[in-house]
Amino acid sequence: MNDSGEGAGHTGPSRRKDARRNKETLLDAAAAVFVTAGVEAPVRDIAAKAGVGVGTIYRHFPTRADLIVAVYRHQVDACAEAGPALLASSTTPYAALRQWIGLFVDFLVTKHGLAGVLRSDNAGFDTLHAYFLDRLLPVCAELLDAAAAAGEIHSDVEAYTLMRGVGNLCAGAESDDRYDARRLVDLLVTGLSRPR
């Protein structure tokens, strides 16, 4: 099989869709392994979780740093895409905001060792941090605006402030197994609501 997307009978949109789905499966597997074993987990463990050979991972991601960056971006994108979907499907904008913040917390607390690896390359870290903000701040702002317009939360909450607060509450989860970041964030989000 040719990974380039070229070949008789395998060109066009369906081939690209399959390749994208396979890459997403690989990134999801890598993220799951990173959660349980950290970013230094053996590539063979990631390959086994994804159901592919080690060579397939190296073909897509020649270095561990490439894989880590791709996982990070993939998870940022998933979190960003979830916001509008939650807003469309939830019973209220505030319910969508709560669910999205839960996904954001999951993203933050499952980065075992990721921040340290990313910070080792300052330029790369700055680029990823900018990507993180560019993708997630507008989503958070949209959810906050919708909840404020519905009269469910105070209208003076800024997306950056909320995300920074959530991030700070999640920071303790890396060093203390008894630290319940989700509970603390829940208290924070509950505090946003307006009394009825």
Protein backbone atom coordinates (compact mmCIF):
# COMPACT_ATOMS: atom_id res chain seq x y z
CA MET A 1 0.00 0.00 0.00
CA ASN A 2 1.21 3.47 -0.85
CA ASP A 3 0.98 6.04 1.99
CA SER A 4 1.40 8.95 -0.40
CA GLY A 5 -2.23 8.82 -1.44
CA GLU A 6 -1.29 7.96 -5.02
CA GLY A 7 -1.99 4.73 -6.81
CA ALA A 8 -4.43 3.09 -9.15
CA GLY A 9 -7.95 3.08 -7.80
CA HIS A 10 -7.00 4.85 -4.57
CA THR A 11 -6.95 8.52 -5.48
CA GLY A 12 -9.42 11.19 -4.68
CA PRO A 13 -11.44 12.28 -1.68
CA SER A 14 -12.16 8.83 -0.19
CA ARG A 15 -8.45 7.97 -0.07
CA ARG A 16 -7.67 11.29 1.60
CA LYS A 17 -10.49 10.71 4.09
CA ASP A 18 -9.14 7.25 4.92
CA ALA A 19 -5.61 8.61 5.35
CA ARG A 20 -6.90 11.39 7.63
CA ARG A 21 -8.95 8.90 9.68
CA ASN A 22 -5.93 6.59 10.02
CA LYS A 23 -3.75 9.47 11.15
CA GLU A 24 -6.40 10.55 13.68
CA THR A 25 -6.58 6.98 15.01
CA LEU A 26 -2.81 7.00 15.42
CA LEU A 27 -2.89 10.37 17.21
CA ASP A 28 -5.71 9.23 19.51
CA ALA A 29 -3.70 6.10 20.35
CA ALA A 30 -0.58 8.17 21.06
CA ALA A 31 -2.58 10.52 23.29
CA ALA A 32 -4.01 7.58 25.26
CA VAL A 33 -0.56 6.08 25.75
CA PHE A 34 0.87 9.46 26.78
CA VAL A 35 -1.84 9.75 29.45
CA THR A 36 -0.96 6.42 31.05
CA ALA A 37 2.79 6.22 30.40
CA GLY A 38 3.96 9.76 29.65
CA VAL A 39 5.44 11.21 26.48
CA GLU A 40 8.52 9.02 26.72
CA ALA A 41 6.44 5.84 26.26
CA PRO A 42 7.93 3.37 23.76
CA VAL A 43 6.76 3.89 20.19
CA ARG A 44 5.94 0.16 20.00
CA ASP A 45 3.28 0.73 22.70
CA ILE A 46 1.69 3.47 20.61
CA ALA A 47 1.85 1.30 17.50
CA ALA A 48 0.20 -1.61 19.35
CA LYS A 49 -2.56 0.66 20.66
CA ALA A 50 -3.17 2.02 17.14
CA GLY A 51 -3.01 -1.42 15.54
CA VAL A 52 -0.20 -0.43 13.17
CA GLY A 53 3.47 -1.20 12.76
CA VAL A 54 6.18 0.97 14.28
CA GLY A 55 7.28 1.92 10.76
CA THR A 56 3.90 3.49 10.10
CA ILE A 57 4.37 5.85 13.03
CA TYR A 58 7.86 6.83 11.89
CA ARG A 59 6.59 7.35 8.33
CA HIS A 60 4.09 9.92 9.61
CA PHE A 61 6.20 11.31 12.47
CA PRO A 62 9.97 10.92 11.95
CA THR A 63 10.80 12.12 15.48
CA ARG A 64 9.16 11.86 18.89
CA ALA A 65 8.89 15.65 18.94
CA ASP A 66 6.92 15.53 15.68
CA LEU A 67 4.51 13.03 17.24
CA ILE A 68 4.13 15.03 20.45
CA VAL A 69 3.42 18.25 18.55
CA ALA A 70 0.91 16.46 16.31
CA VAL A 71 -0.89 14.96 19.33
CA TYR A 72 -1.03 18.37 21.01
CA ARG A 73 -2.42 20.07 17.89
CA HIS A 74 -4.90 17.24 17.31
CA GLN A 75 -6.25 17.57 20.84
CA VAL A 76 -6.45 21.36 20.61
CA ASP A 77 -8.40 20.98 17.36
CA ALA A 78 -10.78 18.43 18.92
CA CYS A 79 -11.44 20.75 21.85
CA ALA A 80 -12.01 23.70 19.51
CA GLU A 81 -14.41 21.74 17.31
CA ALA A 82 -16.39 20.52 20.31
CA GLY A 83 -17.46 24.04 21.35
CA PRO A 84 -19.87 24.84 18.51
CA ALA A 85 -21.19 21.26 18.52
CA LEU A 86 -21.95 21.47 22.24
CA LEU A 87 -23.59 24.86 21.82
CA ALA A 88 -25.85 23.41 19.12
CA SER A 89 -26.77 20.25 21.04
CA SER A 90 -26.93 21.28 24.71
CA THR A 91 -30.08 22.29 26.53
CA THR A 92 -28.65 25.71 27.39
CA PRO A 93 -25.54 27.74 26.52
CA TYR A 94 -24.38 27.44 30.15
CA ALA A 95 -24.68 23.64 29.95
CA ALA A 96 -22.57 23.76 26.76
CA LEU A 97 -20.01 25.95 28.52
CA ARG A 98 -19.80 23.54 31.47
CA GLN A 99 -19.33 20.56 29.17
CA TRP A 100 -16.70 22.35 27.11
CA ILE A 101 -14.78 23.42 30.21
CA GLY A 102 -14.84 19.73 31.24
CA LEU A 103 -13.21 18.80 27.92
CA PHE A 104 -10.70 21.60 28.36
CA VAL A 105 -9.83 20.29 31.83
CA ASP A 106 -9.38 16.78 30.40
CA PHE A 107 -7.01 18.24 27.82
CA LEU A 108 -4.99 20.09 30.46
CA VAL A 109 -4.68 17.38 33.12
CA THR A 110 -3.68 14.60 30.73
CA LYS A 111 -0.47 16.18 29.48
CA HIS A 112 1.97 14.02 31.49
CA GLY A 113 5.36 15.52 30.70
CA LEU A 114 4.14 17.28 27.58
CA ALA A 115 4.72 20.82 28.83
CA GLY A 116 8.32 20.02 29.76
CA VAL A 117 9.07 18.53 26.37
CA LEU A 118 7.46 21.42 24.53
CA ARG A 119 9.26 24.04 26.63
CA SER A 120 12.63 22.51 25.73
CA ASP A 121 12.20 24.18 22.33
CA ASN A 122 11.20 27.77 23.13
CA ALA A 123 10.37 28.75 19.55
CA GLY A 124 8.31 25.60 19.05
CA PHE A 125 6.57 26.07 22.39
CA ASP A 126 5.72 29.69 21.58
CA THR A 127 4.26 28.61 18.23
CA LEU A 128 2.15 25.90 19.84
CA HIS A 129 1.01 28.19 22.63
CA ALA A 130 -0.09 30.75 20.03
CA TYR A 131 -1.93 27.97 18.16
CA PHE A 132 -3.61 26.93 21.41
CA LEU A 133 -4.80 30.48 22.08
CA ASP A 134 -5.84 31.15 18.47
CA ARG A 135 -7.98 28.00 18.36
CA LEU A 136 -9.46 27.92 21.86
CA LEU A 137 -9.97 31.54 22.93
CA PRO A 138 -12.62 32.26 20.26
CA VAL A 139 -14.49 29.07 21.17
CA CYS A 140 -14.51 29.91 24.85
CA ALA A 141 -15.57 33.49 24.05
CA GLU A 142 -18.45 32.23 21.89
CA LEU A 143 -19.68 29.97 24.69
CA LEU A 144 -19.37 32.74 27.28
CA ASP A 145 -21.17 35.23 25.03
CA ALA A 146 -24.02 32.80 24.41
CA ALA A 147 -24.42 32.04 28.12
CA ALA A 148 -24.28 35.75 29.00
CA ALA A 149 -26.83 36.62 26.28
CA ALA A 150 -29.14 33.97 27.76
CA GLY A 151 -28.76 35.64 31.17
CA GLU A 152 -27.19 32.49 32.64
CA ILE A 153 -23.80 33.94 33.63
CA HIS A 154 -22.30 37.30 34.48
CA SER A 155 -21.51 39.22 31.32
CA ASP A 156 -18.09 40.54 32.38
CA VAL A 157 -16.19 37.22 32.17
CA GLU A 158 -13.40 37.22 29.59
CA ALA A 159 -12.36 34.03 27.81
CA TYR A 160 -8.65 34.49 28.52
CA THR A 161 -9.27 35.09 32.22
CA LEU A 162 -11.47 31.99 32.52
CA MET A 163 -9.07 29.77 30.58
CA ARG A 164 -6.11 31.06 32.58
CA GLY A 165 -7.99 30.39 35.83
CA VAL A 166 -8.88 26.87 34.73
CA GLY A 167 -5.28 26.29 33.67
CA ASN A 168 -3.95 27.46 37.02
CA LEU A 169 -6.37 25.19 38.88
CA CYS A 170 -5.26 22.23 36.76
CA ALA A 171 -1.56 22.84 37.37
CA GLY A 172 -1.57 21.10 40.77
CA ALA A 173 -2.89 17.85 39.29
CA GLU A 174 0.55 16.88 37.92
CA SER A 175 2.28 16.71 41.28
CA ASP A 176 -0.42 15.50 43.69
CA ASP A 177 -2.66 12.49 43.07
CA ARG A 178 -5.09 13.73 45.73
CA TYR A 179 -5.51 17.10 44.03
CA ASP A 180 -8.95 17.23 42.39
CA ALA A 181 -8.65 19.79 39.60
CA ARG A 182 -12.03 18.87 38.16
CA ARG A 183 -13.78 19.62 41.45
CA LEU A 184 -12.04 22.98 41.79
CA VAL A 185 -12.85 23.94 38.20
CA ASP A 186 -16.46 22.90 38.78
CA LEU A 187 -16.61 25.34 41.69
CA LEU A 188 -15.16 28.06 39.48
CA VAL A 189 -17.67 27.47 36.68
CA THR A 190 -20.54 27.28 39.17
CA GLY A 191 -19.45 30.70 40.42
CA LEU A 192 -19.99 32.16 36.93
CA SER A 193 -23.73 31.52 37.03
CA ARG A 194 -26.19 34.25 37.83
CA PRO A 195 -28.66 33.60 40.65
CA ARG A 196 -32.14 32.88 39.32
